[in-house]
Amino acid sequence: MARNEEKAQAMLNRFVTAKKDANREDKSQRPYLSSECTNVRDCEMYRSQIIKEISKKVSLIQNEGLEEHRVRDLNDSINKLMREKGHWERQIKTLGGPDYFKLAPRLGLDDDAAEVVPGKGYRYYGAAKRLPGVRELFKKAPPERAKRTRFEIFKTIDADYYGYRDDDDGVLVKLEAEAEAGLLAKGTDEWESSKAARREANPQLADEVEDEEAAQFVAHVAVPDEAAVRQAILARRKQELLANLDAEASGAGKKQKAKQKVEAADLASIKRLPPSW
């Protein structure tokens, strides 16, 4: 008994097989539009074909040794197949098939793909991301320094910012006193050295300057000397004693007037007394 392989090679069997293939519709060629296919099984078959082509081309584009134009063509072809896959999945859903947008597992290509503008559809795979002109698109600009608002600025300002409590610890007062003493001594030394230099340069001119500085002092109030002060105190005491005596002797009015005239004459004779006397 002949084997099955030998039977298949028989002339009659080959004729039957060829006739059956001729009568069968050729579905190897994928329709240009997904809307032309009305069978869910055929749509799923074409979708599987597209996924296989995408996987093959994604593995090819990972090769860094490919020429630039070859990488660009592969990347364009992958993006075209991804769009076509979406059309077939949409047609399957329209014909009542499963919703692959929600149910289909991820192909694992999204991790390798990169988009310049997220959500716009065109992606770069593998070596296409390192092409000249594409590499610069994925460089992230340095983050801009966030400008603080007026509220954030004033939130950290307190009394210490304006220096209101700098003198509470007493340190600043001590430092200022030491600095003031040092500046005063320095200024005095400079004045004395300049004065000595002027005196050495022209002694006569230095004396004239000192005389002019002394002459510039003007006393606008007459200042009594020690003798005038003593005399004024003595006259004031006499006046107080006479006033007490006159108060006791109320009948001696004439004597009191005469005494007051004498005292007034004595006070008038005192020179260089201030107006308060």
Protein backbone atom coordinates (compact mmCIF):
# COMPACT_ATOMS: atom_id res chain seq x y z
CA MET A 1 0.00 0.00 0.00
CA ALA A 2 1.42 3.34 -1.04
CA ARG A 3 2.13 5.97 1.50
CA ASN A 4 0.28 9.28 1.70
CA GLU A 5 3.22 11.22 0.29
CA GLU A 6 3.28 9.03 -2.74
CA LYS A 7 -0.46 9.42 -3.15
CA ALA A 8 -0.11 13.22 -3.10
CA GLN A 9 2.34 13.03 -5.97
CA ALA A 10 -0.08 11.16 -8.14
CA MET A 11 -1.30 13.00 -11.20
CA LEU A 12 -4.94 12.81 -10.24
CA ASN A 13 -4.37 14.09 -6.72
CA ARG A 14 -2.31 17.02 -7.97
CA PHE A 15 -5.00 17.92 -10.44
CA VAL A 16 -7.68 17.88 -7.76
CA THR A 17 -5.57 20.04 -5.45
CA ALA A 18 -4.81 22.59 -8.17
CA LYS A 19 -8.48 22.79 -9.15
CA LYS A 20 -9.47 23.33 -5.53
CA ASP A 21 -6.89 26.14 -5.16
CA ALA A 22 -8.06 27.76 -8.37
CA ASN A 23 -11.64 27.83 -7.20
CA ARG A 24 -10.59 29.25 -3.79
CA GLU A 25 -10.50 33.05 -3.41
CA ASP A 26 -6.99 34.47 -3.13
CA LYS A 27 -6.75 36.32 0.16
CA SER A 28 -3.00 36.64 0.36
CA GLN A 29 -3.16 40.17 -1.04
CA ARG A 30 -4.40 42.61 1.60
CA PRO A 31 -7.09 45.06 0.38
CA TYR A 32 -6.04 48.70 0.09
CA LEU A 33 -9.00 49.86 2.16
CA SER A 34 -10.16 48.07 5.28
CA SER A 35 -13.75 48.97 4.46
CA GLU A 36 -13.61 46.66 1.41
CA CYS A 37 -13.45 43.58 3.66
CA THR A 38 -16.75 42.53 5.22
CA ASN A 39 -15.64 39.30 6.93
CA VAL A 40 -14.46 39.48 10.52
CA ARG A 41 -12.18 36.44 10.16
CA ASP A 42 -10.48 37.98 7.13
CA CYS A 43 -10.02 41.29 8.94
CA GLU A 44 -8.41 39.51 11.88
CA MET A 45 -6.14 37.62 9.45
CA TYR A 46 -4.99 40.88 7.86
CA ARG A 47 -4.47 42.41 11.27
CA SER A 48 -2.22 39.50 12.22
CA GLN A 49 -0.22 39.99 9.02
CA ILE A 50 0.33 43.64 9.85
CA ILE A 51 1.49 42.83 13.40
CA LYS A 52 4.06 40.34 12.02
CA GLU A 53 5.38 42.94 9.56
CA ILE A 54 5.65 45.54 12.33
CA SER A 55 7.58 43.15 14.59
CA LYS A 56 9.98 42.25 11.79
CA LYS A 57 10.73 45.86 10.86
CA VAL A 58 11.09 46.98 14.47
CA SER A 59 13.74 44.29 14.98
CA LEU A 60 15.53 45.49 11.82
CA ILE A 61 15.55 49.14 12.83
CA GLN A 62 17.43 48.30 16.03
CA ASN A 63 20.58 47.78 13.97
CA GLU A 64 22.88 50.80 14.46
CA GLY A 65 24.90 49.89 11.37
CA LEU A 66 22.10 50.66 8.90
CA GLU A 67 22.42 53.60 6.59
CA GLU A 68 20.55 56.76 7.39
CA HIS A 69 18.10 56.58 4.48
CA ARG A 70 17.37 52.92 5.28
CA VAL A 71 16.57 53.81 8.90
CA ARG A 72 14.28 56.62 7.82
CA ASP A 73 12.41 54.35 5.36
CA LEU A 74 11.95 51.67 8.01
CA ASN A 75 10.65 54.19 10.52
CA ASP A 76 8.16 55.62 8.00
CA SER A 77 7.00 52.10 7.10
CA ILE A 78 6.46 51.17 10.76
CA ASN A 79 4.36 54.28 11.35
CA LYS A 80 2.32 53.52 8.22
CA LEU A 81 1.68 49.95 9.38
CA MET A 82 0.66 51.17 12.83
CA ARG A 83 -1.96 53.44 11.24
CA GLU A 84 -3.15 50.62 9.01
CA LYS A 85 -3.49 48.30 12.00
CA GLY A 86 -5.74 50.88 13.62
CA HIS A 87 -7.92 50.97 10.50
CA TRP A 88 -8.38 47.20 10.54
CA GLU A 89 -9.15 47.14 14.26
CA ARG A 90 -11.75 49.83 13.69
CA GLN A 91 -13.29 47.79 10.83
CA ILE A 92 -13.39 44.70 13.05
CA LYS A 93 -15.25 46.63 15.70
CA THR A 94 -17.67 47.97 13.08
CA LEU A 95 -18.45 44.44 11.85
CA GLY A 96 -19.29 43.30 15.37
CA GLY A 97 -15.95 41.77 16.28
CA PRO A 98 -13.89 42.34 19.44
CA ASP A 99 -12.71 45.81 20.37
CA TYR A 100 -8.93 45.48 20.07
CA PHE A 101 -8.44 49.08 21.18
CA LYS A 102 -9.43 47.98 24.68
CA LEU A 103 -8.85 44.22 24.73
CA ALA A 104 -5.63 43.73 22.77
CA PRO A 105 -2.43 43.40 24.82
CA ARG A 106 0.37 45.83 24.30
CA LEU A 107 2.87 44.87 21.62
CA GLY A 108 5.84 46.04 23.65
CA LEU A 109 6.73 48.64 21.03
CA ASP A 110 5.55 51.63 23.04
CA ASP A 111 8.52 51.34 25.39
CA ASP A 112 10.96 51.62 22.51
CA ALA A 113 9.04 54.33 20.66
CA ALA A 114 9.40 58.05 21.32
CA GLU A 115 7.19 60.95 20.22
CA VAL A 116 8.31 64.51 19.72
CA VAL A 117 4.80 65.80 20.36
CA PRO A 118 2.88 63.29 22.54
CA GLY A 119 -0.40 62.17 21.00
CA LYS A 120 0.36 63.29 17.43
CA GLY A 121 0.91 59.76 16.13
CA TYR A 122 4.36 59.83 14.47
CA ARG A 123 6.93 57.90 16.50
CA TYR A 124 10.63 57.13 16.25
CA TYR A 125 11.88 53.59 16.84
CA GLY A 126 15.33 52.20 17.60
CA ALA A 127 18.12 53.86 15.61
CA ALA A 128 15.72 56.48 14.25
CA LYS A 129 15.83 58.26 17.59
CA ARG A 130 19.55 58.88 17.12
CA LEU A 131 19.40 60.28 13.60
CA PRO A 132 20.85 63.75 12.91
CA GLY A 133 18.15 66.33 13.43
CA VAL A 134 16.04 63.92 15.48
CA ARG A 135 18.43 63.61 18.40
CA GLU A 136 18.16 67.36 19.06
CA LEU A 137 14.37 67.14 19.24
CA PHE A 138 14.52 64.84 22.26
CA LYS A 139 16.98 66.95 24.23
CA LYS A 140 15.16 68.41 27.16
CA ALA A 141 15.70 72.05 27.88
CA PRO A 142 16.92 72.88 31.39
CA PRO A 143 14.04 73.71 33.69
CA GLU A 144 13.43 77.38 34.18
CA ARG A 145 13.86 78.78 37.62
CA ALA A 146 10.47 79.38 39.14
CA LYS A 147 9.98 83.03 40.09
CA ARG A 148 8.86 83.55 43.64
CA THR A 149 5.65 85.40 44.25
CA ARG A 150 5.36 88.49 46.41
CA PHE A 151 3.62 86.45 49.10
CA GLU A 152 6.49 83.95 49.28
CA ILE A 153 9.03 86.78 49.52
CA PHE A 154 7.27 88.57 52.38
CA LYS A 155 6.58 85.30 54.18
CA THR A 156 10.24 85.09 55.32
CA ILE A 157 10.58 88.76 56.33
CA ASP A 158 10.34 89.57 60.03
CA ALA A 159 11.66 92.16 62.50
CA ASP A 160 15.21 90.77 62.23
CA TYR A 161 15.22 91.57 58.51
CA TYR A 162 14.83 95.30 59.29
CA GLY A 163 17.33 95.17 62.17
CA TYR A 164 14.88 96.09 64.92
CA ARG A 165 16.38 93.71 67.51
CA ASP A 166 20.08 94.12 66.74
CA ASP A 167 20.77 96.07 69.96
CA ASP A 168 19.01 93.65 72.33
CA ASP A 169 22.05 91.46 72.96
CA GLY A 170 24.38 94.38 73.70
CA VAL A 171 27.05 93.18 71.31
CA LEU A 172 26.46 95.92 68.75
CA VAL A 173 26.63 98.67 71.37
CA LYS A 174 30.01 97.43 72.58
CA LEU A 175 31.37 97.18 69.06
CA GLU A 176 30.13 100.66 68.16
CA ALA A 177 31.71 102.13 71.30
CA GLU A 178 35.05 100.54 70.47
CA ALA A 179 34.84 101.69 66.87
CA GLU A 180 33.85 105.22 67.93
CA ALA A 181 36.79 105.48 70.32
CA GLY A 182 39.17 104.26 67.65
CA LEU A 183 37.82 106.70 65.03
CA LEU A 184 37.97 109.59 67.52
CA ALA A 185 41.59 108.82 68.43
CA LYS A 186 42.47 108.47 64.77
CA GLY A 187 40.85 111.80 63.91
CA THR A 188 42.62 113.53 66.82
CA ASP A 189 45.98 112.13 65.75
CA GLU A 190 45.43 113.27 62.17
CA TRP A 191 44.47 116.76 63.32
CA GLU A 192 47.49 117.06 65.59
CA SER A 193 49.85 115.75 62.90
CA SER A 194 48.43 118.19 60.35
CA LYS A 195 48.76 121.01 62.86
CA ALA A 196 52.38 120.09 63.57
CA ALA A 197 53.09 119.92 59.85
CA ARG A 198 51.64 123.39 59.33
CA ARG A 199 53.66 124.74 62.23
CA GLU A 200 56.86 123.28 60.82
CA ALA A 201 56.12 124.61 57.36
CA ASN A 202 55.27 128.19 58.47
CA PRO A 203 55.32 128.90 62.23
CA GLN A 204 54.12 132.52 61.84
CA LEU A 205 51.16 131.56 59.70
CA ALA A 206 50.20 128.79 62.14
CA ASP A 207 50.16 131.28 65.05
CA GLU A 208 47.97 133.69 63.07
CA VAL A 209 45.54 130.89 62.32
CA GLU A 210 45.33 129.95 65.98
CA ASP A 211 44.71 133.63 66.92
CA GLU A 212 41.95 133.86 64.34
CA GLU A 213 40.34 130.70 65.68
CA ALA A 214 40.46 132.11 69.21
CA ALA A 215 39.08 135.46 68.05
CA GLN A 216 36.14 133.80 66.40
CA PHE A 217 34.60 133.05 69.83
CA VAL A 218 31.99 135.69 70.71
CA ALA A 219 30.17 135.75 74.06
CA HIS A 220 26.65 137.03 73.46
CA VAL A 221 25.87 137.14 77.23
CA ALA A 222 27.86 139.23 79.74
CA VAL A 223 29.52 136.83 82.13
CA PRO A 224 30.20 138.38 85.61
CA ASP A 225 33.46 137.75 87.38
CA GLU A 226 33.82 136.22 90.86
CA ALA A 227 33.88 139.54 92.73
CA ALA A 228 30.67 140.74 91.08
CA VAL A 229 28.94 137.49 91.97
CA ARG A 230 29.93 137.76 95.61
CA GLN A 231 28.76 141.37 95.78
CA ALA A 232 25.43 140.46 94.19
CA ILE A 233 24.90 137.61 96.68
CA LEU A 234 25.65 139.90 99.59
CA ALA A 235 23.19 142.55 98.32
CA ARG A 236 20.49 139.89 97.85
CA ARG A 237 20.92 138.68 101.42
CA LYS A 238 20.71 142.24 102.74
CA GLN A 239 17.50 142.77 100.82
CA GLU A 240 15.96 139.61 102.30
CA LEU A 241 16.89 140.65 105.86
CA LEU A 242 15.47 144.12 105.41
CA ALA A 243 12.27 142.66 103.99
CA ASN A 244 11.85 140.49 107.09
CA LEU A 245 12.47 143.43 109.43
CA ASP A 246 10.05 145.64 107.55
CA ALA A 247 7.37 142.99 107.78
CA GLU A 248 7.69 142.98 111.59
CA ALA A 249 7.69 146.74 111.90
CA SER A 250 4.59 147.64 109.93
CA GLY A 251 4.58 151.28 111.19
CA ALA A 252 7.99 152.12 109.75
CA GLY A 253 6.92 152.62 106.15
CA LYS A 254 9.03 155.68 105.54
CA LYS A 255 12.19 154.01 106.71
CA GLN A 256 11.49 151.04 104.48
CA LYS A 257 11.18 153.25 101.39
CA ALA A 258 14.42 154.99 102.23
CA LYS A 259 16.19 151.70 102.68
CA GLN A 260 14.86 150.36 99.39
CA LYS A 261 16.22 153.43 97.62
CA VAL A 262 19.62 152.83 99.19
CA GLU A 263 19.62 149.18 98.17
CA ALA A 264 18.57 150.06 94.65
CA ALA A 265 21.47 152.49 94.48
CA ASP A 266 23.83 149.78 95.78
CA LEU A 267 22.63 147.27 93.22
CA ALA A 268 22.93 149.82 90.42
CA SER A 269 26.54 150.47 91.39
CA ILE A 270 27.41 146.75 90.81
CA LYS A 271 28.74 146.30 87.28
CA ARG A 272 28.57 143.34 84.93
CA LEU A 273 25.59 141.65 86.52
CA PRO A 274 23.36 139.34 84.43
CA PRO A 275 19.77 140.42 83.76
CA SER A 276 18.41 137.83 86.21
CA TRP A 277 19.87 139.77 89.13
